C-alpha cells in the first residue's frame, strides 16, 4: 500500500519536475542568446514549457493507467 502511495505521488509530480526542467531550459537558452548578443526571443509554435507540461501530463496519465491495470491484474489472479 505504501509503494502505491509513493508511486502515485511520483506519477503526479512528473508534471512538476517537467515544469522545473522547462524553466531551466528556458534560462539556458536565454543566457546563450545574451552571450551571442541576440536580444530577440525565439519563436516556437509551442513553447518548451507547454511541451514539457504536456509530456509530463501524458507520463502521469500513463502511470495512473499502469497502476490501474496492475491493480486489476492483482485482483483477477
N, C-alpha and C. Protein backbone atom coordinates (compact mmCIF):
# COMPACT_ATOMS: atom_id res chain seq x y z
N UNK A 1 0.82 -1.18 0.00
CA UNK A 1 0.00 0.00 0.00
C UNK A 1 0.87 1.26 0.00
N UNK A 2 1.95 1.22 0.77
CA UNK A 2 2.85 2.38 0.84
C UNK A 2 3.52 2.60 -0.52
N UNK A 3 3.88 1.51 -1.19
CA UNK A 3 4.50 1.65 -2.51
C UNK A 3 3.54 2.28 -3.51
N UNK A 4 2.27 1.93 -3.43
CA UNK A 4 1.26 2.51 -4.32
C UNK A 4 1.14 4.01 -4.06
N UNK A 5 1.12 4.40 -2.80
CA UNK A 5 1.00 5.82 -2.46
C UNK A 5 2.21 6.60 -2.97
N UNK A 6 3.43 6.05 -2.76
CA UNK A 6 4.62 6.73 -3.26
C UNK A 6 4.64 6.74 -4.78
N UNK A 7 4.20 5.67 -5.41
CA UNK A 7 4.15 5.61 -6.87
C UNK A 7 3.20 6.65 -7.45
N UNK A 8 2.03 6.79 -6.84
CA UNK A 8 1.09 7.80 -7.32
C UNK A 8 1.62 9.20 -7.08
N UNK A 9 2.27 9.41 -5.95
CA UNK A 9 2.88 10.72 -5.69
C UNK A 9 3.93 11.07 -6.72
N UNK A 10 4.75 10.08 -7.08
CA UNK A 10 5.77 10.31 -8.11
C UNK A 10 5.13 10.56 -9.46
N UNK A 11 4.09 9.79 -9.80
CA UNK A 11 3.44 9.95 -11.10
C UNK A 11 2.86 11.34 -11.25
N UNK A 12 2.28 11.88 -10.20
CA UNK A 12 1.69 13.20 -10.32
C UNK A 12 2.71 14.32 -10.16
N UNK A 13 3.89 14.01 -9.63
CA UNK A 13 4.94 15.02 -9.52
C UNK A 13 5.75 15.14 -10.80
N UNK A 14 5.54 14.24 -11.75
CA UNK A 14 6.27 14.30 -13.01
C UNK A 14 5.98 15.63 -13.70
N UNK A 15 4.76 16.10 -13.59
CA UNK A 15 4.42 17.39 -14.22
C UNK A 15 5.21 18.52 -13.56
N UNK A 16 5.33 18.48 -12.24
CA UNK A 16 6.12 19.50 -11.55
C UNK A 16 7.58 19.44 -11.94
N UNK A 17 8.12 18.22 -12.05
CA UNK A 17 9.51 18.08 -12.46
C UNK A 17 9.72 18.59 -13.88
N UNK A 18 8.78 18.29 -14.78
CA UNK A 18 8.94 18.74 -16.16
C UNK A 18 8.80 20.25 -16.25
N UNK A 19 7.97 20.86 -15.41
CA UNK A 19 7.85 22.32 -15.41
C UNK A 19 9.15 22.96 -14.95
N UNK A 20 9.77 22.42 -13.92
CA UNK A 20 11.06 22.96 -13.46
C UNK A 20 12.14 22.76 -14.52
N UNK A 21 12.14 21.61 -15.18
CA UNK A 21 13.12 21.35 -16.24
C UNK A 21 12.93 22.34 -17.39
N UNK A 22 11.68 22.62 -17.77
CA UNK A 22 11.42 23.57 -18.85
C UNK A 22 11.90 24.97 -18.47
N UNK A 23 11.73 25.35 -17.21
CA UNK A 23 12.20 26.66 -16.76
C UNK A 23 13.73 26.74 -16.83
N UNK A 24 14.41 25.64 -16.47
CA UNK A 24 15.88 25.63 -16.57
C UNK A 24 16.32 25.70 -18.03
N UNK A 25 15.60 25.00 -18.92
CA UNK A 25 15.93 25.05 -20.34
C UNK A 25 15.76 26.47 -20.88
N UNK A 26 14.65 27.13 -20.50
CA UNK A 26 14.39 28.49 -20.96
C UNK A 26 15.50 29.43 -20.48
N UNK A 27 15.95 29.27 -19.24
CA UNK A 27 17.02 30.12 -18.71
C UNK A 27 18.33 29.88 -19.46
N UNK A 28 18.65 28.62 -19.77
CA UNK A 28 19.88 28.33 -20.52
C UNK A 28 19.84 28.94 -21.91
N UNK A 29 18.68 28.84 -22.58
CA UNK A 29 18.55 29.42 -23.92
C UNK A 29 18.68 30.93 -23.85
N UNK A 30 18.06 31.54 -22.85
CA UNK A 30 18.14 33.00 -22.70
C UNK A 30 19.59 33.44 -22.46
N UNK A 31 20.31 32.72 -21.59
CA UNK A 31 21.71 33.07 -21.32
C UNK A 31 22.58 32.90 -22.56
N UNK A 32 22.33 31.85 -23.34
CA UNK A 32 23.11 31.63 -24.56
C UNK A 32 22.84 32.75 -25.57
N UNK A 33 21.58 33.18 -25.67
CA UNK A 33 21.26 34.29 -26.59
C UNK A 33 21.94 35.57 -26.16
N UNK A 34 21.95 35.84 -24.86
CA UNK A 34 22.59 37.06 -24.37
C UNK A 34 24.10 37.04 -24.60
N UNK A 35 24.73 35.86 -24.47
CA UNK A 35 26.17 35.75 -24.74
C UNK A 35 26.48 36.04 -26.20
N UNK A 36 25.56 35.62 -27.09
CA UNK A 36 25.76 35.89 -28.51
C UNK A 36 25.42 37.33 -28.87
N UNK A 37 24.74 38.02 -27.98
CA UNK A 37 24.36 39.40 -28.24
C UNK A 37 22.99 39.53 -28.88
N UNK A 38 22.26 38.46 -28.97
CA UNK A 38 20.93 38.48 -29.58
C UNK A 38 19.89 38.78 -28.50
N UNK A 39 19.07 39.77 -28.75
CA UNK A 39 18.02 40.11 -27.78
C UNK A 39 16.65 39.61 -28.22
N UNK A 40 16.55 39.07 -29.42
CA UNK A 40 15.26 38.62 -29.95
C UNK A 40 14.86 37.31 -29.29
N UNK A 41 13.60 37.21 -28.94
CA UNK A 41 13.06 35.97 -28.38
C UNK A 41 12.87 34.95 -29.50
N UNK A 42 13.22 33.69 -29.26
CA UNK A 42 12.98 32.68 -30.29
C UNK A 42 11.47 32.43 -30.46
N UNK A 43 11.09 32.08 -31.67
CA UNK A 43 9.69 31.83 -31.96
C UNK A 43 9.47 30.32 -32.03
N UNK A 44 8.65 29.80 -31.12
CA UNK A 44 8.32 28.39 -31.09
C UNK A 44 6.83 28.25 -31.38
N UNK A 45 6.43 27.26 -32.20
CA UNK A 45 4.99 27.05 -32.40
C UNK A 45 4.31 26.66 -31.09
N UNK A 46 5.00 25.86 -30.28
CA UNK A 46 4.54 25.50 -28.94
C UNK A 46 5.72 25.76 -28.01
N UNK A 47 5.49 26.49 -26.94
CA UNK A 47 6.60 26.84 -26.06
C UNK A 47 7.16 25.58 -25.40
N UNK A 48 8.45 25.63 -25.04
CA UNK A 48 9.06 24.46 -24.39
C UNK A 48 8.37 24.10 -23.08
N UNK A 49 7.88 25.11 -22.34
CA UNK A 49 7.18 24.80 -21.10
C UNK A 49 5.91 24.01 -21.37
N UNK A 50 5.16 24.43 -22.38
CA UNK A 50 3.92 23.73 -22.72
C UNK A 50 4.21 22.31 -23.16
N UNK A 51 5.25 22.16 -23.98
CA UNK A 51 5.60 20.82 -24.46
C UNK A 51 6.01 19.92 -23.30
N UNK A 52 6.82 20.46 -22.37
CA UNK A 52 7.25 19.65 -21.22
C UNK A 52 6.06 19.35 -20.30
N UNK A 53 5.17 20.31 -20.11
CA UNK A 53 3.99 20.06 -19.28
C UNK A 53 3.10 19.01 -19.91
N UNK A 54 2.93 19.07 -21.24
CA UNK A 54 2.11 18.06 -21.91
C UNK A 54 2.73 16.67 -21.77
N UNK A 55 4.05 16.58 -21.97
CA UNK A 55 4.68 15.26 -21.85
C UNK A 55 4.61 14.78 -20.40
N UNK A 56 4.76 15.68 -19.44
CA UNK A 56 4.61 15.29 -18.04
C UNK A 56 3.21 14.81 -17.72
N UNK A 57 2.21 15.49 -18.29
CA UNK A 57 0.83 15.06 -18.08
C UNK A 57 0.57 13.69 -18.69
N UNK A 58 1.13 13.46 -19.89
CA UNK A 58 0.96 12.15 -20.52
C UNK A 58 1.64 11.06 -19.71
N UNK A 59 2.81 11.35 -19.18
CA UNK A 59 3.51 10.36 -18.37
C UNK A 59 2.74 10.07 -17.09
N UNK A 60 2.18 11.13 -16.48
CA UNK A 60 1.39 10.93 -15.26
C UNK A 60 0.15 10.09 -15.58
N UNK A 61 -0.51 10.38 -16.69
CA UNK A 61 -1.69 9.60 -17.09
C UNK A 61 -1.30 8.14 -17.35
N UNK A 62 -0.16 7.94 -18.00
CA UNK A 62 0.29 6.57 -18.25
C UNK A 62 0.58 5.85 -16.93
N UNK A 63 1.13 6.56 -15.96
CA UNK A 63 1.38 5.95 -14.65
C UNK A 63 0.10 5.53 -13.96
N UNK A 64 -0.93 6.37 -14.07
CA UNK A 64 -2.22 6.03 -13.46
C UNK A 64 -2.84 4.83 -14.16
N UNK A 65 -2.76 4.82 -15.49
CA UNK A 65 -3.32 3.69 -16.25
C UNK A 65 -2.58 2.40 -15.90
N UNK A 66 -1.25 2.46 -15.83
CA UNK A 66 -0.49 1.26 -15.46
C UNK A 66 -0.79 0.82 -14.04
N UNK A 67 -0.97 1.78 -13.15
CA UNK A 67 -1.35 1.44 -11.78
C UNK A 67 -2.70 0.76 -11.72
N UNK A 68 -3.67 1.30 -12.47
CA UNK A 68 -5.00 0.69 -12.51
C UNK A 68 -4.95 -0.71 -13.13
N UNK A 69 -4.16 -0.86 -14.19
CA UNK A 69 -4.04 -2.18 -14.81
C UNK A 69 -3.37 -3.17 -13.87
N UNK A 70 -2.36 -2.74 -13.16
CA UNK A 70 -1.71 -3.62 -12.17
C UNK A 70 -2.66 -4.01 -11.06
N UNK A 71 -3.46 -3.04 -10.60
CA UNK A 71 -4.44 -3.32 -9.56
C UNK A 71 -5.48 -4.32 -10.05
N UNK A 72 -5.95 -4.15 -11.29
CA UNK A 72 -6.93 -5.07 -11.85
C UNK A 72 -6.33 -6.47 -12.02
N UNK A 73 -5.11 -6.55 -12.49
CA UNK A 73 -4.47 -7.86 -12.66
C UNK A 73 -4.23 -8.53 -11.32
N UNK A 74 -3.92 -7.75 -10.32
CA UNK A 74 -3.70 -8.30 -8.99
C UNK A 74 -4.96 -8.95 -8.45
N UNK A 75 -6.11 -8.32 -8.70
CA UNK A 75 -7.35 -8.85 -8.19
C UNK A 75 -7.97 -9.92 -9.09
N UNK A 76 -7.52 -10.03 -10.33
CA UNK A 76 -8.02 -11.09 -11.21
C UNK A 76 -7.32 -12.41 -10.92
N UNK A 77 -6.07 -12.33 -10.53
CA UNK A 77 -5.26 -13.53 -10.41
C UNK A 77 -5.49 -14.23 -9.13
